[in-house]
């Protein structure tokens, strides 16, 4: 994993009833700038055995797993599809049915 030599750090935010300034540093020095911008772009990547994000005490990882299970979202194991022809055929039928159900007419 590459480490960004100049990470950006943002402290602060804005609320609906009590906006506050946002302080931003480019990581290239110790200078901080105040701005009222609240939009951030980019990606957040959380990795590791116990990596998770909590929103109001609710685990995002647990929630996503529960939604996948409830919606019966299949995530087949490639090695099993390659090993069992019948499983591969069943998965292809599943994908065909899924396309028929969700494609616009």
PDB file of N, CA and C in Angstrom:
ATOM      1  N   UNK A   1       0.840  -1.163   0.000  1.00  0.00           N
ATOM      2  CA  UNK A   1       0.000   0.000   0.000  1.00  0.00           C
ATOM      3  C   UNK A   1       0.889   1.232   0.000  1.00  0.00           C
ATOM      4  N   UNK A   2       0.666   2.141  -0.940  1.00  0.00           N
ATOM      5  CA  UNK A   2       1.442   3.370  -1.028  1.00  0.00           C
ATOM      6  C   UNK A   2       0.945   4.378  -0.004  1.00  0.00           C
ATOM      7  N   UNK A   3       1.870   5.131   0.556  1.00  0.00           N
ATOM      8  CA  UNK A   3       1.516   6.159   1.529  1.00  0.00           C
ATOM      9  C   UNK A   3       1.628   7.504   0.838  1.00  0.00           C
ATOM     10  N   UNK A   4       0.581   8.320   0.959  1.00  0.00           N
ATOM     11  CA  UNK A   4       0.565   9.648   0.374  1.00  0.00           C
ATOM     12  C   UNK A   4       1.515  10.537   1.174  1.00  0.00           C
ATOM     13  N   UNK A   5       2.549  11.104   0.543  1.00  0.00           N
ATOM     14  CA  UNK A   5       3.496  11.931   1.288  1.00  0.00           C
ATOM     15  C   UNK A   5       2.900  13.273   1.704  1.00  0.00           C
ATOM     16  N   UNK A   6       1.800  13.687   1.093  1.00  0.00           N
ATOM     17  CA  UNK A   6       1.159  14.963   1.406  1.00  0.00           C
ATOM     18  C   UNK A   6      -0.335  14.771   1.669  1.00  0.00           C
ATOM     19  N   UNK A   7      -0.694  14.141   2.763  1.00  0.00           N
ATOM     20  CA  UNK A   7      -2.108  13.902   3.022  1.00  0.00           C
ATOM     21  C   UNK A   7      -2.831  15.193   3.383  1.00  0.00           C
ATOM     22  N   UNK A   8      -4.099  15.247   3.068  1.00  0.00           N
ATOM     23  CA  UNK A   8      -4.929  16.382   3.470  1.00  0.00           C
ATOM     24  C   UNK A   8      -5.662  16.011   4.734  1.00  0.00           C
ATOM     25  N   UNK A   9      -5.836  16.978   5.600  1.00  0.00           N
ATOM     26  CA  UNK A   9      -6.554  16.765   6.844  1.00  0.00           C
ATOM     27  C   UNK A   9      -7.644  17.811   6.930  1.00  0.00           C
ATOM     28  N   UNK A  10      -8.859  17.389   7.267  1.00  0.00           N
ATOM     29  CA  UNK A  10      -9.981  18.313   7.391  1.00  0.00           C
ATOM     30  C   UNK A  10     -10.548  18.171   8.793  1.00  0.00           C
ATOM     31  N   UNK A  11     -10.701  19.281   9.472  1.00  0.00           N
ATOM     32  CA  UNK A  11     -11.275  19.285  10.810  1.00  0.00           C
ATOM     33  C   UNK A  11     -12.447  20.253  10.804  1.00  0.00           C
ATOM     34  N   UNK A  12     -13.586  19.802  11.291  1.00  0.00           N
ATOM     35  CA  UNK A  12     -14.747  20.676  11.359  1.00  0.00           C
ATOM     36  C   UNK A  12     -15.849  20.157  10.482  1.00  0.00           C
ATOM     37  N   UNK A  13     -16.792  21.005  10.209  1.00  0.00           N
ATOM     38  CA  UNK A  13     -17.911  20.612   9.378  1.00  0.00           C
ATOM     39  C   UNK A  13     -19.021  21.616   9.517  1.00  0.00           C
ATOM     40  N   UNK A  14     -20.157  21.290   8.992  1.00  0.00           N
ATOM     41  CA  UNK A  14     -21.276  22.206   9.121  1.00  0.00           C
ATOM     42  C   UNK A  14     -22.510  21.432   9.516  1.00  0.00           C
ATOM     43  N   UNK A  15     -23.339  22.055  10.290  1.00  0.00           N
ATOM     44  CA  UNK A  15     -24.601  21.465  10.683  1.00  0.00           C
ATOM     45  C   UNK A  15     -25.732  22.278  10.108  1.00  0.00           C
ATOM     46  N   UNK A  16     -26.936  21.770  10.195  1.00  0.00           N
ATOM     47  CA  UNK A  16     -28.077  22.473   9.634  1.00  0.00           C
ATOM     48  C   UNK A  16     -28.391  23.735  10.437  1.00  0.00           C
ATOM     49  N   UNK A  17     -28.337  23.620  11.779  1.00  0.00           N
ATOM     50  CA  UNK A  17     -28.713  24.761  12.600  1.00  0.00           C
ATOM     51  C   UNK A  17     -27.530  25.552  13.116  1.00  0.00           C
ATOM     52  N   UNK A  18     -26.331  24.987  13.120  1.00  0.00           N
ATOM     53  CA  UNK A  18     -25.178  25.662  13.692  1.00  0.00           C
ATOM     54  C   UNK A  18     -23.943  25.422  12.824  1.00  0.00           C
ATOM     55  N   UNK A  19     -23.820  26.136  11.682  1.00  0.00           N
ATOM     56  CA  UNK A  19     -22.665  25.900  10.829  1.00  0.00           C
ATOM     57  C   UNK A  19     -21.374  26.339  11.508  1.00  0.00           C
ATOM     58  N   UNK A  20     -20.311  25.590  11.237  1.00  0.00           N
ATOM     59  CA  UNK A  20     -18.994  25.943  11.769  1.00  0.00           C
ATOM     60  C   UNK A  20     -17.988  25.898  10.637  1.00  0.00           C
ATOM     61  N   UNK A  21     -16.890  26.625  10.763  1.00  0.00           N
ATOM     62  CA  UNK A  21     -15.899  26.600   9.683  1.00  0.00           C
ATOM     63  C   UNK A  21     -15.196  25.258   9.584  1.00  0.00           C
ATOM     64  N   UNK A  22     -14.641  25.003   8.440  1.00  0.00           N
ATOM     65  CA  UNK A  22     -13.864  23.804   8.191  1.00  0.00           C
ATOM     66  C   UNK A  22     -12.415  24.241   8.042  1.00  0.00           C
ATOM     67  N   UNK A  23     -11.497  23.566   8.724  1.00  0.00           N
ATOM     68  CA  UNK A  23     -10.084  23.882   8.646  1.00  0.00           C
ATOM     69  C   UNK A  23      -9.398  22.817   7.804  1.00  0.00           C
ATOM     70  N   UNK A  24      -8.641  23.238   6.815  1.00  0.00           N
ATOM     71  CA  UNK A  24      -8.038  22.320   5.866  1.00  0.00           C
ATOM     72  C   UNK A  24      -6.530  22.536   5.832  1.00  0.00           C
ATOM     73  N   UNK A  25      -5.770  21.442   5.837  1.00  0.00           N
ATOM     74  CA  UNK A  25      -4.326  21.496   5.652  1.00  0.00           C
ATOM     75  C   UNK A  25      -3.964  20.576   4.511  1.00  0.00           C
ATOM     76  N   UNK A  26      -3.083  21.029   3.639  1.00  0.00           N
ATOM     77  CA  UNK A  26      -2.669  20.204   2.504  1.00  0.00           C
ATOM     78  C   UNK A  26      -1.662  19.144   2.909  1.00  0.00           C
ATOM     79  N   UNK A  27      -1.144  19.221   4.117  1.00  0.00           N
ATOM     80  CA  UNK A  27      -0.169  18.241   4.566  1.00  0.00           C
ATOM     81  C   UNK A  27       1.247  18.615   4.212  1.00  0.00           C
ATOM     82  N   UNK A  28       1.436  19.708   3.464  1.00  0.00           N
ATOM     83  CA  UNK A  28       2.783  20.101   3.057  1.00  0.00           C
ATOM     84  C   UNK A  28       3.427  21.052   4.067  1.00  0.00           C
ATOM     85  N   UNK A  29       2.703  21.476   5.055  1.00  0.00           N
ATOM     86  CA  UNK A  29       3.245  22.384   6.068  1.00  0.00           C
ATOM     87  C   UNK A  29       2.293  22.439   7.231  1.00  0.00           C
ATOM     88  N   UNK A  30       2.528  23.379   8.101  1.00  0.00           N
ATOM     89  CA  UNK A  30       1.666  23.476   9.280  1.00  0.00           C
ATOM     90  C   UNK A  30       0.634  24.582   9.141  1.00  0.00           C
ATOM     91  N   UNK A  31       0.420  25.111   7.935  1.00  0.00           N
ATOM     92  CA  UNK A  31      -0.543  26.181   7.710  1.00  0.00           C
ATOM     93  C   UNK A  31      -1.947  25.605   7.561  1.00  0.00           C
ATOM     94  N   UNK A  32      -2.886  26.215   8.260  1.00  0.00           N
ATOM     95  CA  UNK A  32      -4.280  25.803   8.189  1.00  0.00           C
ATOM     96  C   UNK A  32      -5.092  26.940   7.605  1.00  0.00           C
ATOM     97  N   UNK A  33      -6.048  26.621   6.780  1.00  0.00           N
ATOM     98  CA  UNK A  33      -6.924  27.631   6.192  1.00  0.00           C
ATOM     99  C   UNK A  33      -8.347  27.358   6.616  1.00  0.00           C
ATOM    100  N   UNK A  34      -9.090  28.408   6.909  1.00  0.00           N
ATOM    101  CA  UNK A  34     -10.489  28.266   7.288  1.00  0.00           C
ATOM    102  C   UNK A  34     -11.357  28.464   6.061  1.00  0.00           C
ATOM    103  N   UNK A  35     -12.309  27.596   5.891  1.00  0.00           N
ATOM    104  CA  UNK A  35     -13.233  27.700   4.775  1.00  0.00           C
ATOM    105  C   UNK A  35     -14.600  27.213   5.220  1.00  0.00           C
ATOM    106  N   UNK A  36     -15.635  27.637   4.547  1.00  0.00           N
ATOM    107  CA  UNK A  36     -16.976  27.150   4.871  1.00  0.00           C
ATOM    108  C   UNK A  36     -17.396  26.017   3.949  1.00  0.00           C
ATOM    109  N   UNK A  37     -16.482  25.550   3.100  1.00  0.00           N
ATOM    110  CA  UNK A  37     -16.787  24.446   2.188  1.00  0.00           C
ATOM    111  C   UNK A  37     -17.030  23.176   2.983  1.00  0.00           C
ATOM    112  N   UNK A  38     -18.053  22.441   2.619  1.00  0.00           N
ATOM    113  CA  UNK A  38     -18.358  21.200   3.311  1.00  0.00           C
ATOM    114  C   UNK A  38     -18.373  20.009   2.364  1.00  0.00           C
ATOM    115  N   UNK A  39     -17.948  20.215   1.139  1.00  0.00           N
ATOM    116  CA  UNK A  39     -17.949  19.136   0.161  1.00  0.00           C
ATOM    117  C   UNK A  39     -16.574  18.485   0.118  1.00  0.00           C
ATOM    118  N   UNK A  40     -16.552  17.184   0.188  1.00  0.00           N
ATOM    119  CA  UNK A  40     -15.299  16.433   0.087  1.00  0.00           C
ATOM    120  C   UNK A  40     -15.404  15.486  -1.093  1.00  0.00           C
ATOM    121  N   UNK A  41     -14.308  15.281  -1.776  1.00  0.00           N
ATOM    122  CA  UNK A  41     -14.291  14.336  -2.880  1.00  0.00           C
ATOM    123  C   UNK A  41     -13.218  13.294  -2.606  1.00  0.00           C
ATOM    124  N   UNK A  42     -13.300  12.195  -3.299  1.00  0.00           N
ATOM    125  CA  UNK A  42     -12.317  11.139  -3.128  1.00  0.00           C
ATOM    126  C   UNK A  42     -12.958   9.870  -2.622  1.00  0.00           C
ATOM    127  N   UNK A  43     -12.134   8.995  -2.138  1.00  0.00           N
ATOM    128  CA  UNK A  43     -12.597   7.694  -1.666  1.00  0.00           C
ATOM    129  C   UNK A  43     -12.112   7.471  -0.248  1.00  0.00           C
ATOM    130  N   UNK A  44     -12.907   6.749   0.502  1.00  0.00           N
ATOM    131  CA  UNK A  44     -12.528   6.340   1.850  1.00  0.00           C
ATOM    132  C   UNK A  44     -12.314   4.843   1.797  1.00  0.00           C
ATOM    133  N   UNK A  45     -11.135   4.396   2.175  1.00  0.00           N
ATOM    134  CA  UNK A  45     -10.826   2.970   2.135  1.00  0.00           C
ATOM    135  C   UNK A  45     -10.488   2.529   3.551  1.00  0.00           C
ATOM    136  N   UNK A  46     -11.241   1.575   4.065  1.00  0.00           N
ATOM    137  CA  UNK A  46     -11.020   1.047   5.406  1.00  0.00           C
ATOM    138  C   UNK A  46     -10.708  -0.430   5.248  1.00  0.00           C
ATOM    139  N   UNK A  47      -9.514  -0.839   5.669  1.00  0.00           N
ATOM    140  CA  UNK A  47      -9.088  -2.218   5.492  1.00  0.00           C
ATOM    141  C   UNK A  47      -8.654  -2.811   6.817  1.00  0.00           C
ATOM    142  N   UNK A  48      -8.681  -4.115   6.892  1.00  0.00           N
ATOM    143  CA  UNK A  48      -8.206  -4.809   8.077  1.00  0.00           C
ATOM    144  C   UNK A  48      -9.255  -5.775   8.586  1.00  0.00           C
ATOM    145  N   UNK A  49      -8.829  -6.628   9.491  1.00  0.00           N
ATOM    146  CA  UNK A  49      -9.700  -7.676  10.020  1.00  0.00           C
ATOM    147  C   UNK A  49     -10.954  -7.105  10.678  1.00  0.00           C
ATOM    148  N   UNK A  50     -10.807  -6.016  11.407  1.00  0.00           N
ATOM    149  CA  UNK A  50     -11.947  -5.431  12.116  1.00  0.00           C
ATOM    150  C   UNK A  50     -12.324  -4.057  11.569  1.00  0.00           C
ATOM    151  N   UNK A  51     -11.987  -3.788  10.309  1.00  0.00           N
ATOM    152  CA  UNK A  51     -12.284  -2.495   9.696  1.00  0.00           C
ATOM    153  C   UNK A  51     -13.796  -2.286   9.632  1.00  0.00           C
ATOM    154  N   UNK A  52     -14.248  -1.106  10.004  1.00  0.00           N
ATOM    155  CA  UNK A  52     -15.668  -0.817  10.018  1.00  0.00           C
ATOM    156  C   UNK A  52     -15.871   0.689  10.137  1.00  0.00           C
ATOM    157  N   UNK A  53     -17.048   1.143   9.829  1.00  0.00           N
ATOM    158  CA  UNK A  53     -17.464   2.527  10.016  1.00  0.00           C
ATOM    159  C   UNK A  53     -18.740   2.482  10.838  1.00  0.00           C
ATOM    160  N   UNK A  54     -18.828   3.340  11.838  1.00  0.00           N
ATOM    161  CA  UNK A  54     -20.014   3.377  12.687  1.00  0.00           C
ATOM    162  C   UNK A  54     -20.731   4.700  12.496  1.00  0.00           C
ATOM    163  N   UNK A  55     -22.033   4.630  12.300  1.00  0.00           N
ATOM    164  CA  UNK A  55     -22.874   5.813  12.168  1.00  0.00           C
ATOM    165  C   UNK A  55     -23.923   5.733  13.267  1.00  0.00           C
ATOM    166  N   UNK A  56     -23.852   6.666  14.199  1.00  0.00           N
ATOM    167  CA  UNK A  56     -24.751   6.670  15.357  1.00  0.00           C
ATOM    168  C   UNK A  56     -24.784   5.309  16.047  1.00  0.00           C
ATOM    169  N   UNK A  57     -23.602   4.715  16.206  1.00  0.00           N
ATOM    170  CA  UNK A  57     -23.479   3.444  16.913  1.00  0.00           C
ATOM    171  C   UNK A  57     -23.807   2.211  16.083  1.00  0.00           C
ATOM    172  N   UNK A  58     -24.235   2.393  14.833  1.00  0.00           N
ATOM    173  CA  UNK A  58     -24.597   1.270  13.960  1.00  0.00           C
ATOM    174  C   UNK A  58     -23.422   0.928  13.057  1.00  0.00           C
ATOM    175  N   UNK A  59     -23.013  -0.338  13.071  1.00  0.00           N
ATOM    176  CA  UNK A  59     -21.920  -0.814  12.233  1.00  0.00           C
ATOM    177  C   UNK A  59     -22.365  -0.857  10.771  1.00  0.00           C
ATOM    178  N   UNK A  60     -21.638  -0.148   9.909  1.00  0.00           N
ATOM    179  CA  UNK A  60     -21.954  -0.169   8.485  1.00  0.00           C
ATOM    180  C   UNK A  60     -21.684  -1.544   7.892  1.00  0.00           C
ATOM    181  N   UNK A  61     -20.642  -2.210   8.365  1.00  0.00           N
ATOM    182  CA  UNK A  61     -20.303  -3.541   7.882  1.00  0.00           C
ATOM    183  C   UNK A  61     -21.408  -4.549   8.216  1.00  0.00           C
ATOM    184  N   UNK A  62     -21.884  -4.519   9.477  1.00  0.00           N
ATOM    185  CA  UNK A  62     -22.974  -5.418   9.880  1.00  0.00           C
ATOM    186  C   UNK A  62     -24.237  -5.135   9.078  1.00  0.00           C
ATOM    187  N   UNK A  63     -24.520  -3.850   8.862  1.00  0.00           N
ATOM    188  CA  UNK A  63     -25.727  -3.468   8.124  1.00  0.00           C
ATOM    189  C   UNK A  63     -25.660  -3.972   6.682  1.00  0.00           C
ATOM    190  N   UNK A  64     -24.485  -3.803   6.038  1.00  0.00           N
ATOM    191  CA  UNK A  64     -24.343  -4.254   4.655  1.00  0.00           C
ATOM    192  C   UNK A  64     -24.485  -5.766   4.555  1.00  0.00           C
ATOM    193  N   UNK A  65     -23.932  -6.507   5.497  1.00  0.00           N
ATOM    194  CA  UNK A  65     -24.061  -7.965   5.495  1.00  0.00           C
ATOM    195  C   UNK A  65     -25.510  -8.390   5.654  1.00  0.00           C
ATOM    196  N   UNK A  66     -26.232  -7.713   6.546  1.00  0.00           N
ATOM    197  CA  UNK A  66     -27.645  -8.031   6.772  1.00  0.00           C
ATOM    198  C   UNK A  66     -28.473  -7.739   5.520  1.00  0.00           C
ATOM    199  N   UNK A  67     -28.185  -6.638   4.842  1.00  0.00           N
ATOM    200  CA  UNK A  67     -28.914  -6.287   3.619  1.00  0.00           C
ATOM    201  C   UNK A  67     -28.630  -7.309   2.521  1.00  0.00           C
ATOM    202  N   UNK A  68     -27.364  -7.697   2.356  1.00  0.00           N
ATOM    203  CA  UNK A  68     -27.017  -8.704   1.349  1.00  0.00           C
ATOM    204  C   UNK A  68     -27.746 -10.019   1.618  1.00  0.00           C
ATOM    205  N   UNK A  69     -27.785 -10.420   2.870  1.00  0.00           N
ATOM    206  CA  UNK A  69     -28.453 -11.676   3.215  1.00  0.00           C
ATOM    207  C   UNK A  69     -29.961 -11.554   3.000  1.00  0.00           C
ATOM    208  N   UNK A  70     -30.539 -10.446   3.431  1.00  0.00           N
ATOM    209  CA  UNK A  70     -31.995 -10.250   3.306  1.00  0.00           C
ATOM    210  C   UNK A  70     -32.427 -10.216   1.846  1.00  0.00           C
ATOM    211  N   UNK A  71     -31.595  -9.580   0.998  1.00  0.00           N
ATOM    212  CA  UNK A  71     -31.925  -9.476  -0.421  1.00  0.00           C
ATOM    213  C   UNK A  71     -31.438 -10.682  -1.228  1.00  0.00           C
ATOM    214  N   UNK A  72     -30.819 -11.629  -0.561  1.00  0.00           N
ATOM    215  CA  UNK A  72     -30.285 -12.832  -1.211  1.00  0.00           C
ATOM    216  C   UNK A  72     -29.332 -12.484  -2.347  1.00  0.00           C
ATOM    217  N   UNK A  73     -28.442 -11.548  -2.089  1.00  0.00           N
ATOM    218  CA  UNK A  73     -27.452 -11.162  -3.081  1.00  0.00           C
ATOM    219  C   UNK A  73     -26.361 -12.233  -3.100  1.00  0.00           C
ATOM    220  N   UNK A  74     -26.169 -12.842  -4.258  1.00  0.00           N
ATOM    221  CA  UNK A  74     -25.198 -13.915  -4.385  1.00  0.00           C
ATOM    222  C   UNK A  74     -23.814 -13.365  -4.671  1.00  0.00           C
ATOM    223  N   UNK A  75     -22.841 -13.908  -3.970  1.00  0.00           N
ATOM    224  CA  UNK A  75     -21.436 -13.614  -4.244  1.00  0.00           C
ATOM    225  C   UNK A  75     -20.747 -14.965  -4.346  1.00  0.00           C
ATOM    226  N   UNK A  76     -20.839 -15.587  -5.541  1.00  0.00           N
ATOM    227  CA  UNK A  76     -20.323 -16.942  -5.695  1.00  0.00           C
ATOM    228  C   UNK A  76     -18.808 -17.023  -5.578  1.00  0.00           C
ATOM    229  N   UNK A  77     -18.346 -18.165  -5.131  1.00  0.00           N
ATOM    230  CA  UNK A  77     -16.919 -18.429  -5.038  1.00  0.00           C
ATOM    231  C   UNK A  77     -16.462 -18.991  -6.382  1.00  0.00           C
ATOM    232  N   UNK A  78     -15.554 -18.289  -7.010  1.00  0.00           N
ATOM    233  CA  UNK A  78     -15.075 -18.652  -8.350  1.00  0.00           C
ATOM    234  C   UNK A  78     -14.549 -20.077  -8.406  1.00  0.00           C
ATOM    235  N   UNK A  79     -13.822 -20.489  -7.363  1.00  0.00           N
ATOM    236  CA  UNK A  79     -13.237 -21.833  -7.381  1.00  0.00           C
ATOM    237  C   UNK A  79     -14.318 -22.918  -7.392  1.00  0.00           C
ATOM    238  N   UNK A  80     -15.466 -22.660  -6.741  1.00  0.00           N
ATOM    239  CA  UNK A  80     -16.554 -23.644  -6.755  1.00  0.00           C
ATOM    240  C   UNK A  80     -17.262 -23.669  -8.106  1.00  0.00           C
ATOM    241  N   UNK A  81     -17.415 -22.482  -8.732  1.00  0.00           N
ATOM    242  CA  UNK A  81     -18.035 -22.435 -10.060  1.00  0.00           C
ATOM    243  C   UNK A  81     -17.193 -23.201 -11.071  1.00  0.00           C
ATOM    244  N   UNK A  82     -15.879 -23.083 -10.943  1.00  0.00           N
ATOM    245  CA  UNK A  82     -14.988 -23.793 -11.865  1.00  0.00           C
ATOM    246  C   UNK A  82     -14.995 -25.297 -11.609  1.00  0.00           C
ATOM    247  N   UNK A  83     -15.181 -25.683 -10.360  1.00  0.00           N
ATOM    248  CA  UNK A  83     -15.134 -27.102  -9.982  1.00  0.00           C
ATOM    249  C   UNK A  83     -16.420 -27.846 -10.334  1.00  0.00           C
ATOM    250  N   UNK A  84     -17.561 -27.183 -10.171  1.00  0.00           N
ATOM    251  CA  UNK A  84     -18.855 -27.835 -10.385  1.00  0.00           C
ATOM    252  C   UNK A  84     -19.594 -27.201 -11.548  1.00  0.00           C
ATOM    253  N   UNK A  85     -19.707 -27.932 -12.643  1.00  0.00           N
ATOM    254  CA  UNK A  85     -20.377 -27.441 -13.848  1.00  0.00           C
ATOM    255  C   UNK A  85     -21.842 -27.107 -13.571  1.00  0.00           C
ATOM    256  N   UNK A  86     -22.517 -27.922 -12.793  1.00  0.00           N
ATOM    257  CA  UNK A  86     -23.926 -27.683 -12.487  1.00  0.00           C
ATOM    258  C   UNK A  86     -24.111 -26.370 -11.727  1.00  0.00           C
ATOM    259  N   UNK A  87     -23.189 -26.067 -10.854  1.00  0.00           N
ATOM    260  CA  UNK A  87     -23.255 -24.812 -10.102  1.00  0.00           C
ATOM    261  C   UNK A  87     -23.041 -23.624 -11.044  1.00  0.00           C
ATOM    262  N   UNK A  88     -22.112 -23.739 -11.971  1.00  0.00           N
ATOM    263  CA  UNK A  88     -21.869 -22.690 -12.964  1.00  0.00           C
ATOM    264  C   UNK A  88     -23.117 -22.458 -13.804  1.00  0.00           C
ATOM    265  N   UNK A  89     -23.753 -23.553 -14.251  1.00  0.00           N
ATOM    266  CA  UNK A  89     -24.975 -23.435 -15.060  1.00  0.00           C
ATOM    267  C   UNK A  89     -26.099 -22.785 -14.260  1.00  0.00           C
ATOM    268  N   UNK A  90     -26.258 -23.184 -13.014  1.00  0.00           N
ATOM    269  CA  UNK A  90     -27.298 -22.598 -12.167  1.00  0.00           C
ATOM    270  C   UNK A  90     -27.057 -21.107 -11.973  1.00  0.00           C
ATOM    271  N   UNK A  91     -25.801 -20.719 -11.803  1.00  0.00           N
ATOM    272  CA  UNK A  91     -25.478 -19.304 -11.624  1.00  0.00           C
ATOM    273  C   UNK A  91     -25.758 -18.524 -12.902  1.00  0.00           C
ATOM    274  N   UNK A  92     -25.469 -19.104 -14.063  1.00  0.00           N
ATOM    275  CA  UNK A  92     -25.775 -18.438 -15.332  1.00  0.00           C
ATOM    276  C   UNK A  92     -27.283 -18.252 -15.494  1.00  0.00           C
ATOM    277  N   UNK A  93     -28.068 -19.254 -15.099  1.00  0.00           N
ATOM    278  CA  UNK A  93     -29.535 -19.133 -15.142  1.00  0.00           C
ATOM    279  C   UNK A  93     -29.995 -18.015 -14.202  1.00  0.00           C
ATOM    280  N   UNK A  94     -29.411 -17.950 -13.032  1.00  0.00           N
ATOM    281  CA  UNK A  94     -29.748 -16.914 -12.054  1.00  0.00           C
ATOM    282  C   UNK A  94     -29.490 -15.527 -12.642  1.00  0.00           C
ATOM    283  N   UNK A  95     -28.318 -15.340 -13.269  1.00  0.00           N
ATOM    284  CA  UNK A  95     -27.992 -14.041 -13.851  1.00  0.00           C
ATOM    285  C   UNK A  95     -28.951 -13.684 -14.986  1.00  0.00           C
ATOM    286  N   UNK A  96     -29.355 -14.681 -15.770  1.00  0.00           N
ATOM    287  CA  UNK A  96     -30.314 -14.447 -16.850  1.00  0.00           C
ATOM    288  C   UNK A  96     -31.654 -13.998 -16.272  1.00  0.00           C
ATOM    289  N   UNK A  97     -32.129 -14.686 -15.244  1.00  0.00           N
ATOM    290  CA  UNK A  97     -33.389 -14.307 -14.601  1.00  0.00           C
ATOM    291  C   UNK A  97     -33.302 -12.914 -13.999  1.00  0.00           C
ATOM    292  N   UNK A  98     -32.185 -12.599 -13.409  1.00  0.00           N
ATOM    293  CA  UNK A  98     -31.984 -11.282 -12.808  1.00  0.00           C
ATOM    294  C   UNK A  98     -32.067 -10.187 -13.875  1.00  0.00           C
ATOM    295  N   UNK A  99     -31.432 -10.423 -15.018  1.00  0.00           N
ATOM    296  CA  UNK A  99     -31.501  -9.432 -16.116  1.00  0.00           C
ATOM    297  C   UNK A  99     -32.938  -9.253 -16.583  1.00  0.00           C
ATOM    298  N   UNK A 100     -33.671 -10.357 -16.715  1.00  0.00           N
ATOM    299  CA  UNK A 100     -35.057 -10.263 -17.158  1.00  0.00           C
ATOM    300  C   UNK A 100     -35.921  -9.488 -16.163  1.00  0.00           C
ATOM    301  N   UNK A 101     -35.652  -9.658 -14.887  1.00  0.00           N
ATOM    302  CA  UNK A 101     -36.422  -8.970 -13.855  1.00  0.00           C
ATOM    303  C   UNK A 101     -36.124  -7.485 -13.784  1.00  0.00           C
ATOM    304  N   UNK A 102     -34.881  -7.094 -14.008  1.00  0.00           N
ATOM    305  CA  UNK A 102     -34.488  -5.715 -13.727  1.00  0.00           C
ATOM    306  C   UNK A 102     -34.227  -4.849 -14.958  1.00  0.00           C
ATOM    307  N   UNK A 103     -34.161  -5.424 -16.143  1.00  0.00           N
ATOM    308  CA  UNK A 103     -33.947  -4.615 -17.332  1.00  0.00           C
ATOM    309  C   UNK A 103     -35.203  -3.833 -17.655  1.00  0.00           C
ATOM    310  N   UNK A 104     -35.004  -2.612 -18.155  1.00  0.00           N
ATOM    311  CA  UNK A 104     -36.138  -1.782 -18.587  1.00  0.00           C
ATOM    312  C   UNK A 104     -36.662  -2.311 -19.915  1.00  0.00           C
ATOM    313  N   UNK A 105     -37.966  -2.226 -20.067  1.00  0.00           N
ATOM    314  CA  UNK A 105     -38.578  -2.719 -21.317  1.00  0.00           C
ATOM    315  C   UNK A 105     -38.426  -1.710 -22.425  1.00  0.00           C
TER     316      UNK A 105
END
